[in-house]
């Protein structure tokens, strides 16, 4: 019986080692930033120029999106932070809600509040926790306007130079060798059990 326990423990130990996860930053970089895509229903689409900004936006569905985000490996992302700048030119009382999407999945939202057409650069600090979203290879982060500002109510634009980080846990699939070792351990346990029954 001791050998049976040892075989199962060794097999489970190998399987657990391969599947062990590491938590922390899984991707970081600039967002929004130069080269990122934007689309405004009124002002067209394009990319943010170096040191510049997106077109002004105020319509539901207008967005800015990462252009070249990618990770090596597979991860379960669970939180996101971003410090970025918008040009806020919204009227008092006209607020924009902006949804954050990771690979098309809503992970949270933030609000740009009206400022009496101040036209100033406003630093935004956005942080959100969410249910795991699986990320592997190329991925996208988008900010999508969730409401439309009435005519004459102003707009926002995204400036080059955000600083974002995606956090989560590495995920891995047991490799064939590990599964073989686990299988050998189980086969050994079964053989020992049969031998004990026949004795």
Protein backbone atom coordinates (compact mmCIF):
# COMPACT_ATOMS: atom_id res chain seq x y z
CA UNK A 1 0.00 0.00 0.00
CA UNK A 2 2.94 2.31 0.70
CA UNK A 3 4.20 1.74 -2.87
CA UNK A 4 0.76 2.54 -4.26
CA UNK A 5 0.71 5.85 -2.36
CA UNK A 6 4.25 6.65 -3.53
CA UNK A 7 3.43 5.98 -7.22
CA UNK A 8 0.32 8.17 -7.09
CA UNK A 9 2.17 10.93 -5.19
CA UNK A 10 5.07 10.99 -7.67
CA UNK A 11 2.70 11.07 -10.66
CA UNK A 12 0.58 13.82 -9.12
CA UNK A 13 3.72 15.77 -8.23
CA UNK A 14 4.91 15.83 -11.85
CA UNK A 15 1.47 16.86 -13.10
CA UNK A 16 1.20 19.63 -10.49
CA UNK A 17 4.64 21.02 -11.35
CA UNK A 18 3.80 21.50 -15.04
CA UNK A 19 0.41 23.08 -14.30
CA UNK A 20 1.81 25.41 -11.61
CA UNK A 21 0.87 29.03 -12.30
CA UNK A 22 2.74 32.29 -11.82
CA UNK A 23 0.78 35.45 -11.03
CA UNK A 24 1.76 38.99 -12.01
CA UNK A 25 2.11 41.35 -14.97
CA UNK A 26 1.52 39.45 -18.21
CA UNK A 27 1.78 42.43 -20.57
CA UNK A 28 2.62 46.11 -20.26
CA UNK A 29 3.08 48.96 -22.68
CA UNK A 30 1.63 52.19 -23.94
CA UNK A 31 -2.11 52.51 -24.59
CA UNK A 32 -3.47 54.61 -26.15
CA UNK A 33 -0.31 55.46 -28.06
CA UNK A 34 1.07 56.31 -31.49
CA UNK A 35 0.02 53.78 -34.11
CA UNK A 36 -3.11 52.68 -32.21
CA UNK A 37 -6.28 52.58 -34.28
CA UNK A 38 -9.25 54.86 -33.76
CA UNK A 39 -12.64 55.31 -35.37
CA UNK A 40 -15.06 58.22 -35.04
CA UNK A 41 -18.48 58.02 -36.71
CA UNK A 42 -18.24 61.72 -37.52
CA UNK A 43 -14.51 62.32 -38.02
CA UNK A 44 -13.36 59.08 -39.65
CA UNK A 45 -10.75 56.46 -38.83
CA UNK A 46 -6.99 56.45 -38.60
CA UNK A 47 -4.05 55.91 -36.28
CA UNK A 48 -2.85 58.14 -33.46
CA UNK A 49 0.21 60.08 -34.68
CA UNK A 50 3.38 60.37 -32.56
CA UNK A 51 2.83 63.21 -30.08
CA UNK A 52 -0.71 63.68 -31.42
CA UNK A 53 -4.21 62.49 -30.70
CA UNK A 54 -7.16 60.62 -32.14
CA UNK A 55 -10.04 62.37 -33.88
CA UNK A 56 -12.65 63.88 -31.57
CA UNK A 57 -15.33 61.40 -30.51
CA UNK A 58 -18.83 61.68 -29.06
CA UNK A 59 -20.90 58.88 -30.62
CA UNK A 60 -21.75 55.42 -29.26
CA UNK A 61 -19.38 52.89 -30.82
CA UNK A 62 -16.50 55.33 -31.47
CA UNK A 63 -13.30 53.63 -30.28
CA UNK A 64 -9.55 53.48 -29.88
CA UNK A 65 -7.80 50.08 -29.99
CA UNK A 66 -4.33 48.61 -29.47
CA UNK A 67 -2.45 47.97 -32.69
CA UNK A 68 0.28 45.47 -31.75
CA UNK A 69 -0.36 43.89 -28.35
CA UNK A 70 0.84 40.33 -27.88
CA UNK A 71 1.93 37.85 -25.21
CA UNK A 72 4.10 34.75 -25.38
CA UNK A 73 2.30 31.88 -23.67
CA UNK A 74 -1.23 31.49 -22.37
CA UNK A 75 -2.72 33.48 -19.51
CA UNK A 76 -5.89 34.05 -17.54
CA UNK A 77 -6.04 37.86 -17.32
CA UNK A 78 -7.91 39.21 -14.29
CA UNK A 79 -7.04 42.90 -13.96
CA UNK A 80 -6.01 45.90 -16.04
CA UNK A 81 -4.62 49.34 -15.20
CA UNK A 82 -4.03 52.33 -17.45
CA UNK A 83 -2.88 55.90 -16.92
CA UNK A 84 -3.59 57.92 -20.05
CA UNK A 85 -4.59 61.38 -21.23
CA UNK A 86 -7.69 62.59 -23.02
CA UNK A 87 -8.49 66.01 -24.36
CA UNK A 88 -11.76 66.80 -22.61
CA UNK A 89 -14.01 69.26 -24.41
CA UNK A 90 -17.37 68.17 -22.93
CA UNK A 91 -20.13 70.52 -21.80
CA UNK A 92 -21.06 70.65 -18.13
CA UNK A 93 -23.46 67.79 -17.40
CA UNK A 94 -22.55 65.90 -20.59
CA UNK A 95 -20.61 62.85 -19.43
CA UNK A 96 -19.22 60.03 -21.58
CA UNK A 97 -19.13 56.45 -20.34
CA UNK A 98 -16.39 54.43 -22.02
CA UNK A 99 -16.30 50.63 -21.94
CA UNK A 100 -12.98 48.78 -21.80
CA UNK A 101 -12.88 45.56 -23.84
CA UNK A 102 -10.25 42.82 -23.76
CA UNK A 103 -10.52 40.61 -26.87
CA UNK A 104 -14.06 41.92 -27.29
CA UNK A 105 -15.08 41.08 -23.69
CA UNK A 106 -16.28 43.94 -21.46
CA UNK A 107 -13.89 44.23 -18.50
CA UNK A 108 -15.07 47.53 -16.99
CA UNK A 109 -15.78 51.17 -17.75
CA UNK A 110 -14.72 54.69 -16.90
CA UNK A 111 -16.35 58.10 -17.27
CA UNK A 112 -15.20 61.41 -18.74
CA UNK A 113 -17.15 64.14 -16.96
CA UNK A 114 -18.24 67.38 -18.61
CA UNK A 115 -16.00 70.37 -17.82
CA UNK A 116 -17.73 73.39 -19.40
CA UNK A 117 -15.88 72.92 -22.72
CA UNK A 118 -12.57 73.28 -20.87
CA UNK A 119 -10.55 71.76 -23.73
CA UNK A 120 -7.83 70.68 -21.31
CA UNK A 121 -5.68 67.57 -21.26
CA UNK A 122 -7.03 65.38 -18.48
CA UNK A 123 -5.05 62.50 -16.99
CA UNK A 124 -7.24 59.43 -16.43
CA UNK A 125 -6.36 56.63 -14.00
CA UNK A 126 -8.33 53.51 -14.84
CA UNK A 127 -8.14 50.23 -12.92
CA UNK A 128 -10.45 47.23 -13.15
CA UNK A 129 -10.69 43.64 -11.92
CA UNK A 130 -12.73 41.09 -13.84
CA UNK A 131 -13.52 37.39 -14.29
CA UNK A 132 -10.69 35.57 -16.11
CA UNK A 133 -10.29 36.34 -19.80
CA UNK A 134 -7.95 33.92 -21.57
CA UNK A 135 -5.19 35.57 -23.59
CA UNK A 136 -2.70 33.85 -25.88
CA UNK A 137 -0.59 35.48 -28.62
CA UNK A 138 -2.04 38.68 -30.15
CA UNK A 139 -4.78 40.40 -28.16
CA UNK A 140 -6.71 43.68 -28.27
CA UNK A 141 -7.70 46.27 -25.70
CA UNK A 142 -10.32 48.78 -26.78
CA UNK A 143 -12.00 51.83 -25.29
CA UNK A 144 -15.48 52.10 -26.81
CA UNK A 145 -17.89 54.97 -26.19
CA UNK A 146 -21.06 53.61 -24.58
CA UNK A 147 -23.28 56.67 -25.03
CA UNK A 148 -23.71 59.56 -27.45
CA UNK A 149 -23.29 63.17 -26.44
CA UNK A 150 -26.15 65.38 -27.75
CA UNK A 151 -25.39 67.85 -30.54
CA UNK A 152 -23.38 70.77 -29.18
CA UNK A 153 -22.38 68.83 -26.04
CA UNK A 154 -18.70 68.46 -26.84
CA UNK A 155 -16.34 65.53 -27.32
CA UNK A 156 -13.12 63.82 -26.23
CA UNK A 157 -9.93 62.73 -28.00
CA UNK A 158 -7.25 60.23 -26.92
CA UNK A 159 -3.65 61.46 -26.74
CA UNK A 160 -0.46 59.52 -27.50
CA UNK A 161 1.37 58.15 -24.46
CA UNK A 162 -0.82 56.01 -22.17
CA UNK A 163 0.82 53.55 -19.77
CA UNK A 164 -1.08 50.26 -19.35
CA UNK A 165 -0.56 46.87 -17.70
CA UNK A 166 -2.49 43.61 -17.89
CA UNK A 167 -2.28 41.26 -14.90
CA UNK A 168 -3.11 37.59 -14.57
CA UNK A 169 -1.89 34.06 -14.13
CA UNK A 170 0.02 31.82 -16.50
CA UNK A 171 -1.93 28.80 -17.63
CA UNK A 172 -0.42 25.69 -19.13
CA UNK A 173 -1.59 22.42 -20.52
CA UNK A 174 0.26 19.32 -19.25
CA UNK A 175 2.77 18.14 -21.83
CA UNK A 176 2.57 14.60 -23.29
CA UNK A 177 5.63 13.48 -21.30
CA UNK A 178 3.99 14.58 -18.06
CA UNK A 179 0.78 12.78 -18.95
CA UNK A 180 2.84 9.65 -19.75
CA UNK A 181 4.52 9.77 -16.34
CA UNK A 182 1.15 10.21 -14.69
CA UNK A 183 -0.22 7.26 -16.69
CA UNK A 184 2.75 5.06 -15.71
CA UNK A 185 2.15 5.94 -12.07
CA UNK A 186 -1.52 4.98 -12.32
CA UNK A 187 -0.67 1.75 -14.19
CA UNK A 188 1.84 0.86 -11.48
CA UNK A 189 -0.75 1.55 -8.80
CA UNK A 190 -3.29 -0.67 -10.58
CA UNK A 191 -0.75 -3.51 -11.00
CA UNK A 192 0.16 -3.37 -7.32
CA UNK A 193 -3.51 -3.44 -6.37
CA UNK A 194 -4.14 -6.52 -8.57
CA UNK A 195 -1.08 -8.26 -7.14
CA UNK A 196 -2.31 -7.61 -3.60
CA UNK A 197 -5.82 -8.94 -4.43
CA UNK A 198 -4.43 -12.17 -5.93
CA UNK A 199 -2.17 -12.82 -2.93
